[in-house]
Amino acid sequence: MSLRIMSVKRLLPILLFPLLTGCEFLYELLEIPDPKKEAAMQEAEGRAIGSACRHTGRSLEDCYVINPGAPKAAIFDGWREMNDYMLMNQMEVVPSQIPQPGEIPHRPRPQVPPPAANEVIEPPEVIVPGMAQ
């Protein structure tokens, strides 16, 4: 009997090992970072940013300035892929509705005078429906 229990104790970890090491759910549940997955996500996001920049007619340099945290190589790949796609399908640039970095007009903020030191500001009256006063 003890030999059988001993062999089960040895066999159980061996059988469970492939299930525990290959299970992404366990990694996500324990919030264990996966460097390969994060790198793939950054690559995909960079390509999407580059494609969007080309589709809106922005230059690569503008795209790099607007998105400093994205990998430049991925932005370039996405920009180039979208450029080839647009040339092949004879697509026009879709202008961006967001102003370019240098186009934002500078408007001075309105000056609001500070409240006087002895001025008392009364809180607004709160009226609750159905409550008698």
C-alpha atoms as a PDB file:
ATOM      1  CA  MET A   1       0.000   0.000   0.000  1.00  0.00           C
ATOM      2  CA  SER A   2       2.747   2.489   0.901  1.00  0.00           C
ATOM      3  CA  LEU A   3       4.566   1.654  -2.351  1.00  0.00           C
ATOM      4  CA  ARG A   4       1.445   2.476  -4.317  1.00  0.00           C
ATOM      5  CA  ILE A   5       0.976   5.823  -2.479  1.00  0.00           C
ATOM      6  CA  MET A   6       4.651   6.616  -3.020  1.00  0.00           C
ATOM      7  CA  SER A   7       4.388   5.992  -6.771  1.00  0.00           C
ATOM      8  CA  VAL A   8       1.211   8.142  -7.002  1.00  0.00           C
ATOM      9  CA  LYS A   9       2.990  10.990  -5.201  1.00  0.00           C
ATOM     10  CA  ARG A  10       5.825  10.796  -7.698  1.00  0.00           C
ATOM     11  CA  LEU A  11       3.576  10.374 -10.710  1.00  0.00           C
ATOM     12  CA  LEU A  12       1.158  13.206  -9.885  1.00  0.00           C
ATOM     13  CA  PRO A  13       3.639  16.109 -10.301  1.00  0.00           C
ATOM     14  CA  ILE A  14       4.927  14.588 -13.525  1.00  0.00           C
ATOM     15  CA  LEU A  15       1.399  14.411 -14.921  1.00  0.00           C
ATOM     16  CA  LEU A  16       0.470  17.923 -13.793  1.00  0.00           C
ATOM     17  CA  PHE A  17       3.679  19.607 -14.977  1.00  0.00           C
ATOM     18  CA  PRO A  18       2.678  19.968 -18.669  1.00  0.00           C
ATOM     19  CA  LEU A  19      -0.733  21.286 -17.669  1.00  0.00           C
ATOM     20  CA  LEU A  20       0.684  23.944 -15.360  1.00  0.00           C
ATOM     21  CA  THR A  21       3.510  25.129 -17.613  1.00  0.00           C
ATOM     22  CA  GLY A  22       1.460  25.402 -20.793  1.00  0.00           C
ATOM     23  CA  CYS A  23      -1.580  27.041 -19.293  1.00  0.00           C
ATOM     24  CA  GLU A  24      -1.843  30.729 -20.213  1.00  0.00           C
ATOM     25  CA  PHE A  25      -4.834  31.072 -17.959  1.00  0.00           C
ATOM     26  CA  LEU A  26      -2.639  30.353 -14.955  1.00  0.00           C
ATOM     27  CA  TYR A  27      -0.140  33.026 -16.008  1.00  0.00           C
ATOM     28  CA  GLU A  28      -2.929  35.559 -16.506  1.00  0.00           C
ATOM     29  CA  LEU A  29      -4.552  34.597 -13.230  1.00  0.00           C
ATOM     30  CA  LEU A  30      -1.298  35.069 -11.324  1.00  0.00           C
ATOM     31  CA  GLU A  31      -0.502  38.201 -13.388  1.00  0.00           C
ATOM     32  CA  ILE A  32       2.885  36.845 -14.441  1.00  0.00           C
ATOM     33  CA  PRO A  33       4.281  39.066 -17.232  1.00  0.00           C
ATOM     34  CA  ASP A  34       5.081  37.404 -20.541  1.00  0.00           C
ATOM     35  CA  PRO A  35       7.850  39.347 -22.336  1.00  0.00           C
ATOM     36  CA  LYS A  36       7.125  37.749 -25.710  1.00  0.00           C
ATOM     37  CA  LYS A  37       3.449  38.653 -25.513  1.00  0.00           C
ATOM     38  CA  GLU A  38       4.215  42.233 -24.448  1.00  0.00           C
ATOM     39  CA  ALA A  39       6.741  42.653 -27.272  1.00  0.00           C
ATOM     40  CA  ALA A  40       4.219  41.338 -29.794  1.00  0.00           C
ATOM     41  CA  MET A  41       1.581  43.743 -28.479  1.00  0.00           C
ATOM     42  CA  GLN A  42       3.978  46.712 -28.744  1.00  0.00           C
ATOM     43  CA  GLU A  43       4.917  45.658 -32.271  1.00  0.00           C
ATOM     44  CA  ALA A  44       1.271  45.407 -33.318  1.00  0.00           C
ATOM     45  CA  GLU A  45       0.433  48.752 -31.714  1.00  0.00           C
ATOM     46  CA  GLY A  46       3.382  50.419 -33.448  1.00  0.00           C
ATOM     47  CA  ARG A  47       2.293  49.051 -36.817  1.00  0.00           C
ATOM     48  CA  ALA A  48      -1.246  50.268 -36.224  1.00  0.00           C
ATOM     49  CA  ILE A  49       0.038  53.737 -35.310  1.00  0.00           C
ATOM     50  CA  GLY A  50       2.214  53.860 -38.427  1.00  0.00           C
ATOM     51  CA  SER A  51      -0.649  52.745 -40.651  1.00  0.00           C
ATOM     52  CA  ALA A  52      -2.966  55.344 -39.179  1.00  0.00           C
ATOM     53  CA  CYS A  53      -0.359  58.075 -39.636  1.00  0.00           C
ATOM     54  CA  ARG A  54       0.102  57.205 -43.316  1.00  0.00           C
ATOM     55  CA  HIS A  55      -3.639  56.954 -43.895  1.00  0.00           C
ATOM     56  CA  THR A  56      -4.135  60.463 -42.514  1.00  0.00           C
ATOM     57  CA  GLY A  57      -1.223  61.845 -44.535  1.00  0.00           C
ATOM     58  CA  ARG A  58       1.168  62.474 -41.656  1.00  0.00           C
ATOM     59  CA  SER A  59       4.893  62.144 -42.248  1.00  0.00           C
ATOM     60  CA  LEU A  60       6.988  59.606 -40.385  1.00  0.00           C
ATOM     61  CA  GLU A  61       8.710  62.338 -38.405  1.00  0.00           C
ATOM     62  CA  ASP A  62       5.375  63.741 -37.222  1.00  0.00           C
ATOM     63  CA  CYS A  63       4.274  60.265 -36.260  1.00  0.00           C
ATOM     64  CA  TYR A  64       7.441  59.718 -34.232  1.00  0.00           C
ATOM     65  CA  VAL A  65       6.958  63.041 -32.425  1.00  0.00           C
ATOM     66  CA  ILE A  66       3.293  62.408 -31.662  1.00  0.00           C
ATOM     67  CA  ASN A  67       3.960  58.857 -30.374  1.00  0.00           C
ATOM     68  CA  PRO A  68       7.319  58.927 -28.551  1.00  0.00           C
ATOM     69  CA  GLY A  69       6.694  55.710 -26.601  1.00  0.00           C
ATOM     70  CA  ALA A  70       5.977  53.514 -29.616  1.00  0.00           C
ATOM     71  CA  PRO A  71       8.827  51.571 -31.247  1.00  0.00           C
ATOM     72  CA  LYS A  72      10.052  53.463 -34.310  1.00  0.00           C
ATOM     73  CA  ALA A  73      10.768  50.348 -36.349  1.00  0.00           C
ATOM     74  CA  ALA A  74       7.189  49.131 -35.889  1.00  0.00           C
ATOM     75  CA  ILE A  75       5.813  52.571 -36.805  1.00  0.00           C
ATOM     76  CA  PHE A  76       7.921  52.563 -39.959  1.00  0.00           C
ATOM     77  CA  ASP A  77       6.756  49.055 -40.913  1.00  0.00           C
ATOM     78  CA  GLY A  78       3.115  50.014 -40.472  1.00  0.00           C
ATOM     79  CA  TRP A  79       3.592  53.280 -42.362  1.00  0.00           C
ATOM     80  CA  ARG A  80       5.306  51.508 -45.255  1.00  0.00           C
ATOM     81  CA  GLU A  81       2.673  48.738 -45.414  1.00  0.00           C
ATOM     82  CA  MET A  82      -0.137  51.294 -45.540  1.00  0.00           C
ATOM     83  CA  ASN A  83       1.738  53.321 -48.158  1.00  0.00           C
ATOM     84  CA  ASP A  84       2.089  50.264 -50.402  1.00  0.00           C
ATOM     85  CA  TYR A  85      -1.564  49.352 -49.848  1.00  0.00           C
ATOM     86  CA  MET A  86      -2.748  52.877 -50.649  1.00  0.00           C
ATOM     87  CA  LEU A  87      -0.632  53.067 -53.814  1.00  0.00           C
ATOM     88  CA  MET A  88      -1.778  49.637 -54.986  1.00  0.00           C
ATOM     89  CA  ASN A  89      -5.472  50.457 -54.451  1.00  0.00           C
ATOM     90  CA  GLN A  90      -5.189  54.111 -55.556  1.00  0.00           C
ATOM     91  CA  MET A  91      -6.540  55.374 -52.235  1.00  0.00           C
ATOM     92  CA  GLU A  92      -6.512  59.023 -51.258  1.00  0.00           C
ATOM     93  CA  VAL A  93      -5.335  60.381 -47.927  1.00  0.00           C
ATOM     94  CA  VAL A  94      -8.068  60.866 -45.336  1.00  0.00           C
ATOM     95  CA  PRO A  95      -7.255  64.211 -43.691  1.00  0.00           C
ATOM     96  CA  SER A  96      -7.020  64.208 -39.941  1.00  0.00           C
ATOM     97  CA  GLN A  97      -9.584  66.184 -37.967  1.00  0.00           C
ATOM     98  CA  ILE A  98      -7.013  66.781 -35.226  1.00  0.00           C
ATOM     99  CA  PRO A  99      -4.801  69.822 -35.892  1.00  0.00           C
ATOM    100  CA  GLN A 100      -1.116  69.303 -36.604  1.00  0.00           C
ATOM    101  CA  PRO A 101       1.212  70.082 -33.665  1.00  0.00           C
ATOM    102  CA  GLY A 102       2.086  73.586 -34.937  1.00  0.00           C
ATOM    103  CA  GLU A 103      -1.459  74.537 -35.980  1.00  0.00           C
ATOM    104  CA  ILE A 104      -3.036  74.925 -32.545  1.00  0.00           C
ATOM    105  CA  PRO A 105      -3.742  78.630 -32.023  1.00  0.00           C
ATOM    106  CA  HIS A 106      -2.639  80.111 -28.742  1.00  0.00           C
ATOM    107  CA  ARG A 107      -5.537  81.727 -26.902  1.00  0.00           C
ATOM    108  CA  PRO A 108      -4.884  83.601 -23.674  1.00  0.00           C
ATOM    109  CA  ARG A 109      -6.843  82.379 -20.696  1.00  0.00           C
ATOM    110  CA  PRO A 110      -9.461  84.749 -19.322  1.00  0.00           C
ATOM    111  CA  GLN A 111      -8.435  86.407 -16.085  1.00  0.00           C
ATOM    112  CA  VAL A 112     -10.767  85.549 -13.211  1.00  0.00           C
ATOM    113  CA  PRO A 113     -10.358  87.777 -10.182  1.00  0.00           C
ATOM    114  CA  PRO A 114      -9.708  85.866  -6.963  1.00  0.00           C
ATOM    115  CA  PRO A 115     -12.404  86.092  -4.274  1.00  0.00           C
ATOM    116  CA  ALA A 116     -11.929  88.719  -1.609  1.00  0.00           C
ATOM    117  CA  ALA A 117     -10.423  87.533   1.661  1.00  0.00           C
ATOM    118  CA  ASN A 118     -13.456  88.491   3.747  1.00  0.00           C
ATOM    119  CA  GLU A 119     -16.069  87.318   1.202  1.00  0.00           C
ATOM    120  CA  VAL A 120     -18.282  84.492   2.459  1.00  0.00           C
ATOM    121  CA  ILE A 121     -19.453  82.023  -0.161  1.00  0.00           C
ATOM    122  CA  GLU A 122     -22.749  80.387   0.724  1.00  0.00           C
ATOM    123  CA  PRO A 123     -23.271  76.780  -0.404  1.00  0.00           C
ATOM    124  CA  PRO A 124     -26.219  76.196  -2.720  1.00  0.00           C
ATOM    125  CA  GLU A 125     -29.478  75.012  -1.214  1.00  0.00           C
ATOM    126  CA  VAL A 126     -30.117  71.316  -1.817  1.00  0.00           C
ATOM    127  CA  ILE A 127     -33.729  70.398  -2.506  1.00  0.00           C
ATOM    128  CA  VAL A 128     -34.653  66.737  -2.261  1.00  0.00           C
ATOM    129  CA  PRO A 129     -38.024  65.849  -3.842  1.00  0.00           C
ATOM    130  CA  GLY A 130     -40.492  64.281  -1.455  1.00  0.00           C
ATOM    131  CA  MET A 131     -38.843  65.655   1.650  1.00  0.00           C
ATOM    132  CA  ALA A 132     -40.879  68.157   3.690  1.00  0.00           C
ATOM    133  CA  GLN A 133     -39.090  71.150   5.131  1.00  0.00           C
END
